[in-house]
Amino acid sequence: MLLSASLSSSDRVMLLRPFSTFRPALLSSSLSKTRTLRSFAWPSTKPTLMASISTASTEKGASSTDQEPQKQLQPPARPLQVAKRLEKFKTTIFTQMSMLAIKHGAINLGQGFPNFDGPNFVKEAAIQAIREGKNQYARGHGISDFNSAIAARFRKDTGLEVDPEKEVTVTCGCTEAIAATMLGLINPGDEVILFAPFYDSYEATLSMAGAKIKCITLRPPDFSVPVDELKSAISKNTRAVLINTPHNPTGKMFTREELELIATLCIENDVLVFTDEVYDKLAFEAEHISMASLPGMYERTVTMNSLGKTFSLTGWKIGWAIAPEHLTWGVRQAHSFLTFATSTPMQWAAATALRAPDSYYEELKRDYMAKKAILVEGLEAVGFVVYPSSGTYFIVVDHTPFGLENDVAFCEYLIQEVGVVAIPTSVFYLNPEEGKNLVRFTFCKDEDTLKAAVHRMKQRLRKI
């Protein structure tokens, strides 16, 4: 039974607007080729959320002793206003699924935020910075101590020496680093190559920059780079290639051979590379290789990273971009007019975090390996086709053994009937059809939560 069928009319009014990221399949469970996730728009006759709230408040507040209820004239519903470059993007899937988790009391294995806190030594450093009065604007590109800590970590991880003052830019999370990179270095009409499935902010920020997107699809079971497709796609018209390794949502790690192929093509065609490496410390079964470390690549690469995933502090939104000075200029120009500066006390604390001993990262990896084992073994026992994940804290599975027609329908069923949240992966593709058989689970939760979710699926999830 679909979620929409079980809701009251008032519930539907409250949920319809936030659900607008889902293609109509969320309401009809039919995946139509003519109705895609991003192009769907509600009819103009649909009441606005604010109008519904206002009407409900008026009705609730009416007294039974009133001789005659006053009629309040509501202005006619007006369509939501948004620039054309963003009109196909609605509320993110992560926000929607987290709302559903709360509404249905479901265990949230969808959105990738830990349900446990970050380390005390980092939090105490933030408290100390606040108490010491480090609370005013920081320099636009970051406080000196944090920039130096970023450069030192990058040197240790890659062997590359970078200038912390000229080649490191602190941003509000990696999401802003991505936006600043796209807006600062991509011109309208520039061609950019993405690997699908991809983190949803890539397409949105490239649309804001006016880029022309080309997509190379990574396919199960190993999600390897299709060499011939890439060679055909990249050309003198290509401005940049965007890579995420370790890869969200699949957990794939780009191999040295794949990265060297991409590097060779980029050098031959004078193409930039943007690399999102936020999961670099969550590499479990393969070596993380930073594209910038390959011969001839630093001069054409922007490396983006953040604090949140490694230190379980996703709400701090502390990120950075590392690039040669001639590329950093564009990143900083955009950053200056997006956020200007990032939280000052959190930067001081982040500097402390990046100077953590190796033992911290070793313990982090051991902890996540144990969590991963619980989820993988559970998903396999339930009956999913589970694909390998070498990094990140995500697992992608094939849901088709359970008989639902697509990923959205399956996630609806999983939330409503089983009480567990997963993410439908079709939102990570330009063509949602390519992801309709896959859903993503996360294991960045405590072990009791993971075991409880597995137990629910074993007890309630049945092959249809």
Protein backbone atom coordinates (compact mmCIF):
# COMPACT_ATOMS: atom_id res chain seq x y z
CA MET A 1 0.00 0.00 0.00
CA LEU A 2 1.36 3.43 -0.89
CA LEU A 3 2.04 6.06 1.71
CA SER A 4 -0.33 8.55 0.08
CA ALA A 5 -3.22 6.11 0.27
CA SER A 6 -2.95 5.86 4.05
CA LEU A 7 -2.94 9.58 4.80
CA SER A 8 -5.90 11.71 5.75
CA SER A 9 -6.75 14.64 3.53
CA SER A 10 -5.23 17.12 5.99
CA ASP A 11 -2.05 15.06 6.17
CA ARG A 12 -1.82 15.09 2.40
CA VAL A 13 -2.06 18.86 2.30
CA MET A 14 0.81 19.15 4.76
CA LEU A 15 2.98 16.61 2.96
CA LEU A 16 2.38 17.35 -0.69
CA ARG A 17 4.61 20.38 -0.92
CA PRO A 18 7.66 18.88 0.82
CA PHE A 19 7.28 15.76 -1.34
CA SER A 20 7.78 17.70 -4.54
CA THR A 21 11.25 16.34 -5.15
CA PHE A 22 9.73 12.91 -5.77
CA ARG A 23 8.47 12.29 -9.24
CA PRO A 24 4.73 11.50 -9.40
CA ALA A 25 5.63 7.85 -8.83
CA LEU A 26 5.68 8.66 -5.13
CA LEU A 27 1.96 9.24 -5.28
CA SER A 28 1.04 6.80 -8.02
CA SER A 29 3.88 4.26 -7.78
CA SER A 30 4.13 4.26 -11.55
CA LEU A 31 7.48 5.16 -13.02
CA SER A 32 6.64 6.89 -16.27
CA LYS A 33 9.33 7.73 -18.78
CA THR A 34 7.49 10.92 -19.61
CA ARG A 35 7.38 12.14 -16.03
CA THR A 36 10.80 12.67 -14.53
CA LEU A 37 11.73 13.48 -10.97
CA ARG A 38 12.97 16.99 -11.58
CA SER A 39 10.42 18.32 -14.07
CA PHE A 40 7.26 17.59 -12.10
CA ALA A 41 5.27 20.64 -11.00
CA TRP A 42 2.08 20.78 -8.95
CA PRO A 43 -1.07 22.16 -10.62
CA SER A 44 -1.62 25.84 -9.91
CA THR A 45 -4.99 25.02 -8.31
CA LYS A 46 -3.30 23.12 -5.47
CA PRO A 47 -3.68 25.11 -2.20
CA THR A 48 -0.46 26.52 -0.84
CA LEU A 49 0.92 25.15 2.40
CA MET A 50 0.67 28.54 4.13
CA ALA A 51 -2.96 28.95 3.03
CA SER A 52 -3.75 25.49 4.39
CA ILE A 53 -2.11 26.31 7.72
CA SER A 54 -3.95 29.62 7.93
CA THR A 55 -7.31 28.00 7.21
CA ALA A 56 -6.69 25.23 9.72
CA SER A 57 -5.75 27.77 12.39
CA THR A 58 -8.90 29.76 11.77
CA GLU A 59 -11.11 26.68 12.00
CA LYS A 60 -9.41 25.47 15.16
CA GLY A 61 -9.77 28.85 16.84
CA ALA A 62 -13.49 29.29 16.15
CA SER A 63 -15.61 29.23 19.29
CA SER A 64 -18.88 27.28 19.55
CA THR A 65 -20.40 30.36 21.22
CA ASP A 66 -19.78 32.61 18.21
CA GLN A 67 -23.07 33.80 16.80
CA GLU A 68 -21.73 33.86 13.25
CA PRO A 69 -18.26 32.78 12.20
CA GLN A 70 -16.42 35.57 10.46
CA LYS A 71 -15.36 34.80 6.94
CA GLN A 72 -11.73 35.57 6.36
CA LEU A 73 -10.91 36.35 2.77
CA GLN A 74 -7.77 34.55 1.67
CA PRO A 75 -5.72 35.97 -1.17
CA PRO A 76 -5.70 33.73 -4.23
CA ALA A 77 -3.01 31.09 -4.21
CA ARG A 78 0.04 32.23 -6.12
CA PRO A 79 2.60 29.94 -7.74
CA LEU A 80 5.93 29.57 -5.99
CA GLN A 81 8.58 31.84 -7.42
CA VAL A 82 11.97 30.49 -8.45
CA ALA A 83 14.57 31.29 -11.10
CA LYS A 84 14.40 29.06 -14.17
CA ARG A 85 17.84 27.61 -13.48
CA LEU A 86 16.49 26.15 -10.21
CA GLU A 87 12.84 25.48 -10.98
CA LYS A 88 13.37 21.72 -11.42
CA PHE A 89 14.98 21.36 -7.99
CA LYS A 90 12.70 21.04 -4.97
CA THR A 91 13.14 20.01 -1.34
CA THR A 92 16.02 17.52 -1.15
CA ILE A 93 15.35 13.82 -0.81
CA PHE A 94 17.36 13.77 2.43
CA THR A 95 15.11 16.29 4.13
CA GLN A 96 11.99 14.49 2.95
CA MET A 97 13.04 11.07 4.10
CA SER A 98 14.15 12.37 7.50
CA MET A 99 10.72 13.98 7.93
CA LEU A 100 9.09 10.66 7.10
CA ALA A 101 11.30 8.83 9.59
CA ILE A 102 9.97 11.08 12.35
CA LYS A 103 6.37 10.88 11.16
CA HIS A 104 6.28 7.08 11.05
CA GLY A 105 8.66 6.28 13.88
CA ALA A 106 10.98 4.64 11.36
CA ILE A 107 14.66 3.92 11.93
CA ASN A 108 16.54 6.33 9.69
CA LEU A 109 19.18 4.52 7.66
CA GLY A 110 18.69 7.05 4.88
CA GLN A 111 20.38 10.39 5.47
CA GLY A 112 24.11 10.19 6.11
CA PHE A 113 24.40 11.88 9.47
CA PRO A 114 25.60 9.96 12.54
CA ASN A 115 23.23 9.45 15.46
CA PHE A 116 26.21 9.73 17.81
CA ASP A 117 28.32 12.73 18.72
CA GLY A 118 31.79 13.81 17.69
CA PRO A 119 34.88 13.45 19.91
CA ASN A 120 35.06 15.44 23.13
CA PHE A 121 38.51 16.89 22.46
CA VAL A 122 37.17 18.67 19.38
CA LYS A 123 34.00 19.93 21.08
CA GLU A 124 36.02 21.21 24.04
CA ALA A 125 38.27 23.12 21.65
CA ALA A 126 35.20 24.87 20.22
CA ILE A 127 33.94 25.76 23.71
CA GLN A 128 37.34 27.12 24.64
CA ALA A 129 37.49 29.25 21.49
CA ILE A 130 34.06 30.72 22.27
CA ARG A 131 35.05 31.50 25.85
CA GLU A 132 38.27 33.13 24.66
CA GLY A 133 36.24 35.54 22.56
CA LYS A 134 37.05 34.11 19.12
CA ASN A 135 33.56 34.92 17.92
CA GLN A 136 33.83 37.64 15.29
CA TYR A 137 34.30 37.36 11.55
CA ALA A 138 37.23 35.25 10.48
CA ARG A 139 39.32 36.08 7.43
CA GLY A 140 37.37 35.24 4.31
CA HIS A 141 39.62 32.37 3.31
CA GLY A 142 40.03 30.98 6.85
CA ILE A 143 41.91 31.61 10.07
CA SER A 144 45.65 31.11 9.71
CA ASP A 145 45.89 28.23 12.20
CA PHE A 146 43.21 26.20 10.44
CA ASN A 147 44.61 26.85 6.96
CA SER A 148 47.98 25.61 8.20
CA ALA A 149 46.39 22.49 9.71
CA ILE A 150 44.65 21.74 6.40
CA ALA A 151 47.90 22.13 4.47
CA ALA A 152 49.74 19.90 6.95
CA ARG A 153 47.13 17.14 6.70
CA PHE A 154 47.16 17.35 2.90
CA ARG A 155 50.95 17.04 2.91
CA LYS A 156 50.77 13.97 5.14
CA ASP A 157 48.05 12.35 3.03
CA THR A 158 49.36 13.15 -0.46
CA GLY A 159 52.98 14.26 -0.13
CA LEU A 160 52.09 17.62 -1.71
CA GLU A 161 53.27 20.94 -0.26
CA VAL A 162 50.63 23.65 -0.58
CA ASP A 163 50.69 27.27 0.51
CA PRO A 164 48.08 27.61 3.30
CA GLU A 165 47.69 31.34 2.61
CA LYS A 166 47.35 31.20 -1.16
CA GLU A 167 46.04 27.73 -1.97
CA VAL A 168 43.62 26.84 0.85
CA THR A 169 40.10 28.28 1.18
CA VAL A 170 37.85 27.49 4.16
CA THR A 171 34.17 27.12 3.28
CA CYS A 172 30.83 26.38 4.95
CA GLY A 173 31.07 22.64 4.49
CA CYS A 174 32.09 20.82 1.34
CA THR A 175 28.72 21.75 -0.17
CA GLU A 176 29.79 25.39 -0.27
CA ALA A 177 33.23 24.40 -1.56
CA ILE A 178 31.44 22.66 -4.43
CA ALA A 179 29.24 25.69 -5.10
CA ALA A 180 32.15 28.15 -4.93
CA THR A 181 34.19 25.98 -7.29
CA MET A 182 31.40 25.68 -9.84
CA LEU A 183 30.37 29.32 -9.69
CA GLY A 184 33.94 30.60 -9.57
CA LEU A 185 35.45 28.48 -12.36
CA ILE A 186 32.61 27.44 -14.69
CA ASN A 187 31.14 29.78 -17.29
CA PRO A 188 27.65 29.48 -18.82
CA GLY A 189 27.77 26.88 -21.57
CA ASP A 190 30.89 25.14 -20.27
CA GLU A 191 30.74 21.36 -20.50
CA VAL A 192 31.25 19.39 -17.27
CA ILE A 193 31.35 15.60 -16.96
CA LEU A 194 29.72 13.88 -13.96
CA PHE A 195 29.72 10.24 -12.94
CA ALA A 196 26.23 9.00 -12.09
CA PRO A 197 24.95 8.29 -9.53
CA PHE A 198 26.09 11.59 -8.02
CA TYR A 199 25.53 13.74 -4.94
CA ASP A 200 22.53 15.92 -5.73
CA SER A 201 24.21 19.29 -5.13
CA TYR A 202 26.50 18.72 -8.14
CA GLU A 203 23.73 19.09 -10.68
CA ALA A 204 22.09 21.98 -8.83
CA THR A 205 25.26 24.07 -8.56
CA LEU A 206 26.24 23.32 -12.14
CA SER A 207 22.76 24.46 -13.20
CA MET A 208 23.29 27.69 -11.26
CA ALA A 209 26.57 28.15 -13.12
CA GLY A 210 24.83 27.54 -16.45
CA ALA A 211 26.97 24.52 -17.31
CA LYS A 212 26.21 21.87 -19.89
CA ILE A 213 26.25 18.52 -18.06
CA LYS A 214 27.44 15.26 -19.57
CA CYS A 215 26.89 12.12 -17.54
CA ILE A 216 28.85 8.86 -17.46
CA THR A 217 26.92 6.12 -15.66
CA LEU A 218 28.68 3.77 -13.25
CA ARG A 219 26.86 0.43 -13.21
CA PRO A 220 26.68 -2.43 -10.72
CA PRO A 221 28.10 -4.69 -9.55
CA ASP A 222 31.47 -2.90 -9.28
CA PHE A 223 30.48 0.56 -10.62
CA SER A 224 33.71 0.71 -12.65
CA VAL A 225 34.40 3.58 -15.06
CA PRO A 226 33.26 2.67 -18.60
CA VAL A 227 36.48 3.55 -20.40
CA ASP A 228 35.14 3.82 -23.93
CA GLU A 229 32.21 6.02 -22.85
CA LEU A 230 34.55 8.36 -21.02
CA LYS A 231 36.93 8.61 -23.96
CA SER A 232 34.02 9.47 -26.22
CA ALA A 233 32.60 12.05 -23.81
CA ILE A 234 35.71 14.06 -23.01
CA SER A 235 36.93 16.51 -25.64
CA LYS A 236 38.35 19.97 -26.23
CA ASN A 237 34.88 21.29 -25.36
CA THR A 238 35.06 19.83 -21.85
CA ARG A 239 35.87 22.36 -19.13
CA ALA A 240 35.98 20.02 -16.12
CA VAL A 241 35.42 16.51 -14.77
CA LEU A 242 33.87 16.13 -11.31
CA ILE A 243 34.88 13.07 -9.27
CA ASN A 244 33.74 11.86 -5.85
CA THR A 245 36.01 9.26 -4.27
CA PRO A 246 35.23 7.44 -2.03
CA HIS A 247 31.93 7.62 -3.88
CA ASN A 248 28.50 8.54 -2.56
CA PRO A 249 26.14 6.70 -2.91
CA THR A 250 27.83 3.49 -4.11
CA GLY A 251 30.85 3.27 -1.77
CA LYS A 252 33.08 2.79 -4.82
CA MET A 253 36.73 3.78 -4.63
CA PHE A 254 38.18 5.02 -7.90
CA THR A 255 41.19 2.83 -8.67
CA ARG A 256 44.63 4.16 -9.56
CA GLU A 257 44.13 2.90 -13.11
CA GLU A 258 40.82 4.77 -13.44
CA LEU A 259 42.28 7.97 -12.03
CA GLU A 260 45.34 7.74 -14.26
CA LEU A 261 43.09 7.31 -17.30
CA ILE A 262 41.05 10.37 -16.32
CA ALA A 263 44.24 12.32 -15.64
CA THR A 264 45.69 11.45 -19.05
CA LEU A 265 42.51 12.51 -20.84
CA CYS A 266 42.34 15.76 -18.86
CA ILE A 267 45.95 16.66 -19.61
CA GLU A 268 45.53 15.86 -23.31
CA ASN A 269 42.39 18.01 -23.56
CA ASP A 270 43.35 20.76 -21.06
CA VAL A 271 40.49 19.88 -18.70
CA LEU A 272 40.13 20.77 -15.00
CA VAL A 273 39.30 18.19 -12.33
CA PHE A 274 37.15 18.85 -9.24
CA THR A 275 37.43 16.13 -6.61
CA ASP A 276 35.09 15.70 -3.66
CA GLU A 277 37.03 13.68 -1.06
CA VAL A 278 34.92 14.09 2.09
CA TYR A 279 35.05 10.35 2.80
CA ASP A 280 38.83 10.03 2.37
CA LYS A 281 39.31 8.76 5.94
CA LEU A 282 36.52 6.20 5.48
CA ALA A 283 38.39 4.04 2.98
CA PHE A 284 38.05 0.46 4.18
CA GLU A 285 39.03 -2.02 1.50
CA ALA A 286 41.04 0.02 -0.99
CA GLU A 287 43.60 2.80 -0.99
CA HIS A 288 42.31 6.35 -1.22
CA ILE A 289 44.19 8.19 -3.95
CA SER A 290 43.86 11.94 -4.31
CA MET A 291 43.74 13.01 -7.95
CA ALA A 292 45.92 16.02 -7.19
CA SER A 293 48.78 13.70 -6.22
CA LEU A 294 49.08 12.17 -9.71
CA PRO A 295 51.82 13.54 -12.01
CA GLY A 296 50.80 16.74 -13.76
CA MET A 297 47.44 17.00 -11.98
CA TYR A 298 47.86 19.42 -9.08
CA GLU A 299 47.96 22.42 -11.42
CA ARG A 300 44.52 21.55 -12.83
CA THR A 301 42.76 20.13 -9.74
CA VAL A 302 40.51 21.54 -7.01
CA THR A 303 40.39 19.16 -4.04
CA MET A 304 37.37 19.58 -1.76
CA ASN A 305 36.92 18.11 1.72
CA SER A 306 35.25 18.72 5.08
CA LEU A 307 35.35 17.98 8.79
CA GLY A 308 31.84 16.59 9.25
CA LYS A 309 32.12 13.00 8.04
CA THR A 310 35.45 12.17 9.65
CA PHE A 311 34.63 13.69 13.04
CA SER A 312 30.86 13.07 13.20
CA LEU A 313 30.21 16.82 13.35
CA THR A 314 28.09 17.29 10.24
CA GLY A 315 26.22 20.22 11.78
CA TRP A 316 29.35 22.33 12.04
CA LYS A 317 29.56 22.74 8.25
CA ILE A 318 33.31 23.25 8.08
CA GLY A 319 34.89 22.49 4.71
CA TRP A 320 37.72 23.59 2.46
CA ALA A 321 39.05 23.69 -1.09
CA ILE A 322 42.71 23.19 -2.01
CA ALA A 323 43.89 24.37 -5.41
CA PRO A 324 46.82 26.12 -7.11
CA GLU A 325 46.72 29.89 -6.82
CA HIS A 326 45.37 30.48 -10.33
CA LEU A 327 42.32 28.28 -9.57
CA THR A 328 41.97 29.38 -5.95
CA TRP A 329 41.35 32.92 -7.21
CA GLY A 330 38.06 31.89 -8.84
CA VAL A 331 36.99 29.76 -5.87
CA ARG A 332 37.61 32.65 -3.46
CA GLN A 333 35.81 35.17 -5.63
CA ALA A 334 32.64 33.08 -5.50
CA HIS A 335 33.13 32.20 -1.82
CA SER A 336 33.40 35.90 -0.93
CA PHE A 337 29.87 36.52 -2.15
CA LEU A 338 28.32 33.25 -0.99
CA THR A 339 29.23 33.22 2.70
CA PHE A 340 32.34 35.47 2.95
CA ALA A 341 33.59 33.64 6.07
CA THR A 342 33.00 30.47 8.05
CA SER A 343 32.25 30.06 11.77
CA THR A 344 35.27 31.37 13.67
CA PRO A 345 35.25 29.24 16.85
CA MET A 346 34.52 26.09 14.85
CA GLN A 347 37.58 26.78 12.69
CA TRP A 348 39.78 26.91 15.79
CA ALA A 349 38.32 23.60 16.91
CA ALA A 350 38.67 22.11 13.43
CA ALA A 351 42.39 22.90 13.50
CA THR A 352 42.61 20.84 16.69
CA ALA A 353 40.69 18.01 15.01
CA LEU A 354 42.99 17.82 11.99
CA ARG A 355 45.97 17.45 14.30
CA ALA A 356 44.47 14.31 15.85
CA PRO A 357 46.92 11.42 16.14
CA ASP A 358 46.81 8.51 13.70
CA SER A 359 45.20 6.41 16.41
CA TYR A 360 41.99 8.43 16.04
CA TYR A 361 41.65 7.50 12.37
CA GLU A 362 42.54 3.87 13.06
CA GLU A 363 39.84 3.62 15.72
CA LEU A 364 37.36 5.38 13.43
CA LYS A 365 37.97 2.82 10.71
CA ARG A 366 37.65 -0.14 13.10
CA ASP A 367 34.40 1.22 14.47
CA TYR A 368 32.87 1.73 11.03
CA MET A 369 34.03 -1.68 9.81
CA ALA A 370 32.10 -3.29 12.67
CA LYS A 371 29.00 -1.24 11.86
CA LYS A 372 29.30 -2.07 8.18
CA ALA A 373 29.47 -5.81 8.95
CA ILE A 374 26.22 -5.64 10.95
CA LEU A 375 24.35 -3.94 8.12
CA VAL A 376 25.80 -5.95 5.22
CA GLU A 377 25.19 -9.29 6.92
CA GLY A 378 21.68 -8.21 7.84
CA LEU A 379 20.78 -6.99 4.35
CA GLU A 380 22.06 -10.18 2.79
CA ALA A 381 20.13 -12.29 5.29
CA VAL A 382 16.95 -10.37 4.50
CA GLY A 383 17.32 -11.12 0.78
CA PHE A 384 18.76 -8.00 -0.87
CA VAL A 385 21.39 -8.15 -3.57
CA VAL A 386 24.16 -6.25 -1.76
CA TYR A 387 26.86 -4.54 -3.83
CA PRO A 388 30.43 -4.10 -2.56
CA SER A 389 31.31 -0.88 -0.75
CA SER A 390 35.00 -0.08 -0.30
CA GLY A 391 34.56 3.34 1.29
CA THR A 392 32.10 5.89 2.72
CA TYR A 393 29.42 4.72 5.17
CA PHE A 394 26.89 3.74 2.51
CA ILE A 395 25.67 0.45 1.08
CA VAL A 396 23.76 0.19 -2.21
CA VAL A 397 21.44 -2.78 -2.74
CA ASP A 398 19.14 -4.11 -5.43
CA HIS A 399 15.60 -4.13 -4.02
CA THR A 400 13.94 -5.97 -6.92
CA PRO A 401 13.75 -9.35 -5.12
CA PHE A 402 10.90 -7.83 -3.11
CA GLY A 403 8.72 -7.18 -6.14
CA LEU A 404 8.17 -3.41 -5.98
CA GLU A 405 8.22 -1.66 -9.33
CA ASN A 406 10.82 1.01 -8.53
CA ASP A 407 13.00 2.47 -5.81
CA VAL A 408 10.50 5.09 -4.67
CA ALA A 409 7.70 2.56 -4.29
CA PHE A 410 10.03 0.28 -2.36
CA CYS A 411 11.16 3.08 0.00
CA GLU A 412 7.52 4.00 0.65
CA TYR A 413 6.75 0.40 1.53
CA LEU A 414 9.88 0.12 3.69
CA ILE A 415 8.95 3.20 5.73
CA GLN A 416 5.25 2.50 6.14
CA GLU A 417 5.17 -1.27 6.54
CA VAL A 418 8.63 -2.07 7.91
CA GLY A 419 9.63 1.07 9.80
CA VAL A 420 13.04 1.59 8.20
CA VAL A 421 14.20 4.46 5.99
CA ALA A 422 16.43 4.10 2.92
CA ILE A 423 17.14 6.54 0.10
CA PRO A 424 15.83 5.89 -3.45
CA THR A 425 18.87 6.24 -5.69
CA SER A 426 17.03 7.45 -8.79
CA VAL A 427 17.42 10.98 -7.39
CA PHE A 428 21.17 10.64 -8.05
CA TYR A 429 20.81 10.21 -11.83
CA LEU A 430 19.99 12.58 -14.68
CA ASN A 431 17.80 9.75 -15.98
CA PRO A 432 15.93 8.35 -12.93
CA GLU A 433 15.24 5.11 -14.83
CA GLU A 434 18.89 4.16 -14.36
CA GLY A 435 18.54 4.06 -10.58
CA LYS A 436 15.09 2.56 -10.20
CA ASN A 437 16.37 -0.85 -9.03
CA LEU A 438 18.70 0.48 -6.32
CA VAL A 439 18.33 1.95 -2.85
CA ARG A 440 20.96 3.25 -0.43
CA PHE A 441 21.37 2.44 3.25
CA THR A 442 23.81 4.09 5.66
CA PHE A 443 25.64 2.53 8.61
CA CYS A 444 26.73 5.76 10.34
CA LYS A 445 24.52 4.81 13.28
CA ASP A 446 25.25 3.15 16.61
CA GLU A 447 25.27 -0.64 16.61
CA ASP A 448 22.00 -0.97 18.54
CA THR A 449 20.21 1.14 15.92
CA LEU A 450 21.63 -0.94 13.08
CA LYS A 451 20.66 -4.20 14.80
CA ALA A 452 17.14 -2.88 15.45
CA ALA A 453 16.73 -1.93 11.78
CA VAL A 454 17.95 -5.33 10.64
CA HIS A 455 15.58 -7.02 13.08
CA ARG A 456 12.61 -5.05 11.72
CA MET A 457 13.48 -5.99 8.16
CA LYS A 458 13.88 -9.66 9.05
CA GLN A 459 10.53 -9.65 10.84
CA ARG A 460 8.44 -7.49 8.52
CA LEU A 461 10.00 -7.39 5.05
CA ARG A 462 8.60 -10.07 2.81
CA LYS A 463 9.22 -10.91 -0.80
CA ILE A 464 6.12 -10.02 -2.76
